[in-house]
Amino acid sequence: MDMQLDGKIAFVTGASKGIGRACAEQLAAEGCDVVITARTEADITRAAEEIAAASGRKVLGLAGDMSVTADVQRCVDTAIEQFGRIDVVVTCAGSSPGGLLEELTEEQWLGSMQLKFLGYVRTVRAVIGHMRERGEGSIVLVVGNDGLKPSYWEMTAGAANAADINFAASVAEQYGPLGIRCNTVNPGPVNTDRWAGLEAAFARDKGVSPERAHELALSSLPLGRICEPEEVANVVTFLASPRASYLNGAHIPVDGGQRKALMDV
């Protein structure tokens, strides 16, 4: 299926690795020129070079911290200056620490909200005026499924992700009449460094071995395996594309039907 993305300009945060990188690769493969951001300049420069070489598209890597308003605005302004517009925004930057309520510090709570929630707000706020003036745009927030299926060992992530989902629904309602769609994709366990860290935190807090933590994660997944980043990127790319022209304010789990209660021990 032609995603009708050829010649579009996409802006992807958190794109040096993991889901963000997979989204940037897929959008470029579908014909987008892509601006990608991440905090570490060497990582984002290397990712941009590799994606450009594989896709033949223009890929601009910009170092920026999405927890810093000035960085977000600079990256968005640079993207518009270089490419003239932004058609698609995909937010992937941010992670939240796993842990139980009595062990989580206030700094961990604030860090989660600062990046995983407010980082998304900053990105959308920086680009929404540009999209409003053009009368079109597609925004996809990559939000963990713990915003829809909470678990007490992912409490900081659940709170930030639930806030993201509410925010996205509000943006969809306000800006849908102006030609701007906003949706969320909500992965469960995905084969990334972040998931490995969450499994380790789960093992620590529940007093089980890392091997047992992994077994419990698999047991919660009816499909019996961890998702790959590319499988999330496929859904993100569809949502970003004109093929999904009537999807607005949707929250789509990409978690294999995960039943989190089965991870309890």
Protein backbone atom coordinates (compact mmCIF):
# COMPACT_ATOMS: atom_id res chain seq x y z
CA MET A 1 0.00 0.00 0.00
CA ASP A 2 1.26 3.45 -0.92
CA MET A 3 1.23 5.52 2.28
CA GLN A 4 1.06 8.73 0.20
CA LEU A 5 3.96 10.19 2.20
CA ASP A 6 6.33 10.89 -0.68
CA GLY A 7 7.80 14.36 -0.34
CA LYS A 8 6.36 14.97 3.15
CA ILE A 9 8.52 16.45 5.91
CA ALA A 10 8.58 14.52 9.19
CA PHE A 11 9.95 15.63 12.56
CA VAL A 12 10.78 12.77 14.95
CA THR A 13 12.02 13.18 18.52
CA GLY A 14 14.03 10.59 20.44
CA ALA A 15 15.18 9.15 17.13
CA SER A 16 18.78 8.09 17.72
CA LYS A 17 17.69 4.57 18.72
CA GLY A 18 14.78 2.35 19.63
CA ILE A 19 11.23 3.12 18.52
CA GLY A 20 12.07 6.67 17.47
CA ARG A 21 14.81 5.50 15.16
CA ALA A 22 12.56 2.81 13.68
CA CYS A 23 9.86 5.43 13.02
CA ALA A 24 12.35 7.72 11.29
CA GLU A 25 13.62 4.84 9.16
CA GLN A 26 10.12 3.81 8.13
CA LEU A 27 9.01 7.36 7.31
CA ALA A 28 12.13 7.88 5.20
CA ALA A 29 11.54 4.56 3.44
CA GLU A 30 8.03 5.80 2.56
CA GLY A 31 9.46 8.93 0.93
CA CYS A 32 9.63 11.50 3.71
CA ASP A 33 12.52 13.83 4.31
CA VAL A 34 13.10 13.61 8.04
CA VAL A 35 14.38 15.79 10.86
CA ILE A 36 15.43 13.73 13.85
CA THR A 37 16.36 14.85 17.35
CA ALA A 38 18.02 13.33 20.40
CA ARG A 39 20.15 14.61 23.26
CA THR A 40 23.53 13.23 22.17
CA GLU A 41 24.98 14.91 19.09
CA ALA A 42 27.24 12.03 18.02
CA ASP A 43 24.38 9.53 18.21
CA ILE A 44 21.88 11.64 16.29
CA THR A 45 24.44 12.58 13.62
CA ARG A 46 25.32 8.93 13.06
CA ALA A 47 21.63 7.94 12.91
CA ALA A 48 20.91 10.67 10.36
CA GLU A 49 23.77 9.56 8.13
CA GLU A 50 22.72 5.91 8.28
CA ILE A 51 19.03 6.59 7.60
CA ALA A 52 19.88 8.88 4.69
CA ALA A 53 22.21 6.30 3.17
CA ALA A 54 19.61 3.54 3.45
CA SER A 55 16.65 5.56 2.15
CA GLY A 56 18.11 8.10 -0.24
CA ARG A 57 16.12 10.82 1.50
CA LYS A 58 17.32 14.02 3.18
CA VAL A 59 17.76 13.44 6.90
CA LEU A 60 18.79 16.19 9.29
CA GLY A 61 19.99 15.25 12.77
CA LEU A 62 19.68 17.89 15.50
CA ALA A 63 20.96 17.54 19.05
CA GLY A 64 18.35 18.77 21.50
CA ASP A 65 16.90 17.97 24.91
CA MET A 66 13.11 17.87 24.80
CA SER A 67 12.98 18.74 28.50
CA VAL A 68 14.40 22.17 27.57
CA THR A 69 11.93 24.54 25.92
CA ALA A 70 14.61 26.49 24.07
CA ASP A 71 16.03 23.27 22.56
CA VAL A 72 12.62 22.18 21.33
CA GLN A 73 11.90 25.54 19.73
CA ARG A 74 15.36 25.69 18.14
CA CYS A 75 14.94 22.25 16.58
CA VAL A 76 11.48 23.02 15.22
CA ASP A 77 12.60 26.42 13.88
CA THR A 78 15.63 24.82 12.21
CA ALA A 79 13.46 22.14 10.60
CA ILE A 80 11.12 24.74 9.13
CA GLU A 81 14.05 26.90 8.01
CA GLN A 82 15.73 23.97 6.26
CA PHE A 83 12.67 22.28 4.73
CA GLY A 84 10.02 25.00 4.63
CA ARG A 85 7.38 23.11 6.58
CA ILE A 86 6.61 20.20 8.92
CA ASP A 87 3.86 17.81 7.80
CA VAL A 88 4.28 15.06 10.40
CA VAL A 89 5.40 15.11 14.03
CA VAL A 90 6.23 11.92 15.93
CA THR A 91 7.25 12.18 19.59
CA CYS A 92 9.32 9.36 21.05
CA ALA A 93 11.75 11.16 23.39
CA GLY A 94 11.60 10.24 27.01
CA SER A 95 11.61 7.38 29.46
CA SER A 96 10.42 6.94 33.01
CA PRO A 97 11.96 4.94 35.86
CA GLY A 98 10.32 1.76 37.04
CA GLY A 99 9.84 1.26 40.74
CA LEU A 100 7.40 0.90 43.62
CA LEU A 101 5.73 3.85 45.30
CA GLU A 102 7.70 3.75 48.54
CA GLU A 103 11.03 3.57 46.71
CA LEU A 104 10.41 6.22 44.05
CA THR A 105 11.86 9.64 44.83
CA GLU A 106 10.24 12.97 44.11
CA GLU A 107 13.07 13.67 41.66
CA GLN A 108 12.16 10.53 39.72
CA TRP A 109 8.52 11.59 39.54
CA LEU A 110 9.45 15.08 38.39
CA GLY A 111 11.94 13.74 35.84
CA SER A 112 9.31 11.48 34.32
CA MET A 113 6.74 14.25 33.98
CA GLN A 114 9.34 16.76 32.76
CA LEU A 115 10.43 14.67 29.79
CA LYS A 116 7.78 12.05 28.99
CA PHE A 117 4.81 14.40 29.41
CA LEU A 118 5.99 18.00 29.21
CA GLY A 119 8.54 17.14 26.52
CA TYR A 120 5.64 16.01 24.33
CA VAL A 121 3.65 19.13 25.21
CA ARG A 122 6.61 21.36 24.30
CA THR A 123 7.07 19.64 20.94
CA VAL A 124 3.41 19.89 19.96
CA ARG A 125 3.17 23.48 21.19
CA ALA A 126 6.25 24.46 19.16
CA VAL A 127 4.83 23.11 15.89
CA ILE A 128 1.07 23.57 16.25
CA GLY A 129 1.01 27.23 15.17
CA HIS A 130 2.88 26.35 11.98
CA MET A 131 0.45 23.53 11.21
CA ARG A 132 -2.54 25.76 12.00
CA GLU A 133 -1.33 28.38 9.52
CA ARG A 134 -0.94 25.70 6.84
CA GLY A 135 -4.30 24.10 7.67
CA GLU A 136 -2.95 20.56 7.87
CA GLY A 137 -0.70 18.23 9.83
CA SER A 138 -0.48 14.87 11.54
CA ILE A 139 0.81 14.39 15.09
CA VAL A 140 1.53 10.95 16.55
CA LEU A 141 2.57 10.60 20.19
CA VAL A 142 4.28 7.30 21.06
CA VAL A 143 2.95 6.61 24.54
CA GLY A 144 3.42 3.44 26.59
CA ASN A 145 0.45 1.17 27.18
CA ASP A 146 0.74 1.79 30.92
CA GLY A 147 -1.24 4.96 30.21
CA LEU A 148 -4.14 2.63 29.34
CA LYS A 149 -3.21 -0.45 31.40
CA PRO A 150 -1.60 0.81 34.62
CA SER A 151 0.77 -1.30 36.68
CA TYR A 152 2.18 -0.43 40.07
CA TRP A 153 5.79 -1.14 39.05
CA GLU A 154 5.53 1.38 36.19
CA MET A 155 3.83 4.11 38.18
CA THR A 156 5.80 7.15 37.01
CA ALA A 157 5.47 6.08 33.38
CA GLY A 158 1.76 5.36 33.82
CA ALA A 159 1.09 8.83 35.21
CA ALA A 160 3.05 10.59 32.45
CA ASN A 161 1.53 8.44 29.73
CA ALA A 162 -2.03 8.90 30.98
CA ALA A 163 -1.38 12.63 30.87
CA ASP A 164 -0.08 12.29 27.30
CA ILE A 165 -3.22 10.43 26.24
CA ASN A 166 -5.48 13.08 27.75
CA PHE A 167 -3.38 15.82 26.14
CA ALA A 168 -3.51 14.15 22.71
CA ALA A 169 -7.30 13.77 22.91
CA SER A 170 -7.61 17.46 23.77
CA VAL A 171 -5.36 18.49 20.86
CA ALA A 172 -7.39 16.27 18.52
CA GLU A 173 -10.63 17.94 19.60
CA GLN A 174 -9.31 21.50 19.39
CA TYR A 175 -7.29 21.27 16.18
CA GLY A 176 -9.16 18.60 14.21
CA PRO A 177 -11.50 21.23 12.73
CA LEU A 178 -8.36 23.05 11.52
CA GLY A 179 -7.06 20.07 9.54
CA ILE A 180 -4.64 18.73 12.17
CA ARG A 181 -4.98 15.15 13.39
CA CYS A 182 -3.50 13.93 16.69
CA ASN A 183 -3.35 10.28 17.76
CA THR A 184 -1.35 8.08 20.12
CA VAL A 185 0.31 4.70 19.67
CA ASN A 186 0.67 2.77 22.92
CA PRO A 187 3.29 0.01 22.90
CA GLY A 188 3.74 -2.64 25.54
CA PRO A 189 7.12 -4.34 25.95
CA VAL A 190 9.37 -3.51 23.00
CA ASN A 191 12.83 -4.91 22.34
CA THR A 192 14.81 -1.78 23.27
CA ASP A 193 17.30 -0.69 25.92
CA ARG A 194 14.43 0.96 27.78
CA TRP A 195 12.50 -2.29 28.17
CA ALA A 196 15.63 -4.08 29.37
CA GLY A 197 15.95 -1.42 32.08
CA LEU A 198 12.31 -1.83 33.13
CA GLU A 199 12.71 -5.60 33.39
CA ALA A 200 15.78 -5.08 35.58
CA ALA A 201 13.87 -2.67 37.83
CA PHE A 202 10.98 -5.11 38.06
CA ALA A 203 13.33 -7.94 39.06
CA ARG A 204 14.95 -5.73 41.71
CA ASP A 205 11.73 -4.47 43.24
CA LYS A 206 9.93 -7.81 43.18
CA GLY A 207 12.90 -9.80 44.43
CA VAL A 208 13.11 -12.18 41.49
CA SER A 209 15.91 -13.06 39.07
CA PRO A 210 16.22 -11.23 35.73
CA GLU A 211 15.40 -14.50 34.00
CA ARG A 212 12.18 -14.85 36.03
CA ALA A 213 11.26 -11.24 35.28
CA HIS A 214 11.60 -11.94 31.57
CA GLU A 215 9.51 -15.10 31.86
CA LEU A 216 6.76 -13.15 33.61
CA ALA A 217 6.84 -10.50 30.91
CA LEU A 218 6.44 -13.13 28.21
CA SER A 219 3.63 -14.82 30.14
CA SER A 220 1.66 -11.56 30.07
CA LEU A 221 1.79 -11.44 26.27
CA PRO A 222 -0.71 -13.68 24.43
CA LEU A 223 1.53 -13.57 21.36
CA GLY A 224 4.37 -14.99 23.46
CA ARG A 225 7.12 -12.61 22.39
CA ILE A 226 8.41 -9.08 22.85
CA CYS A 227 7.44 -6.55 20.16
CA GLU A 228 10.11 -5.25 17.77
CA PRO A 229 10.53 -1.47 17.24
CA GLU A 230 9.69 -1.83 13.56
CA GLU A 231 6.26 -3.22 14.45
CA VAL A 232 5.45 -0.03 16.38
CA ALA A 233 6.87 2.09 13.56
CA ASN A 234 4.52 0.43 11.06
CA VAL A 235 1.49 1.65 13.00
CA VAL A 236 2.98 5.10 13.58
CA THR A 237 3.68 5.48 9.86
CA PHE A 238 0.13 4.55 8.93
CA LEU A 239 -1.32 6.99 11.47
CA ALA A 240 0.97 9.74 10.20
CA SER A 241 -0.07 9.15 6.61
CA PRO A 242 -3.04 10.44 4.59
CA ARG A 243 -4.25 6.83 4.52
CA ALA A 244 -5.39 7.41 8.14
CA SER A 245 -7.24 10.61 7.23
CA TYR A 246 -10.25 9.89 9.47
CA LEU A 247 -8.32 8.74 12.51
CA ASN A 248 -8.20 11.55 15.06
CA GLY A 249 -8.08 11.31 18.85
CA ALA A 250 -7.45 7.54 18.66
CA HIS A 251 -5.33 5.63 21.17
CA ILE A 252 -4.04 2.44 19.62
CA PRO A 253 -2.39 -0.26 21.78
CA VAL A 254 0.45 -2.11 20.10
CA ASP A 255 1.02 -4.55 22.93
CA GLY A 256 -0.07 -7.95 21.64
CA GLY A 257 -3.06 -7.85 23.98
CA GLN A 258 -0.83 -7.71 27.07
CA ARG A 259 -2.41 -8.71 30.39
CA LYS A 260 -0.23 -6.95 32.92
CA ALA A 261 -1.79 -8.63 35.93
CA LEU A 262 -0.02 -11.84 34.92
CA MET A 263 3.34 -10.23 35.72
CA ASP A 264 2.44 -10.01 39.41
CA VAL A 265 4.26 -12.45 41.68
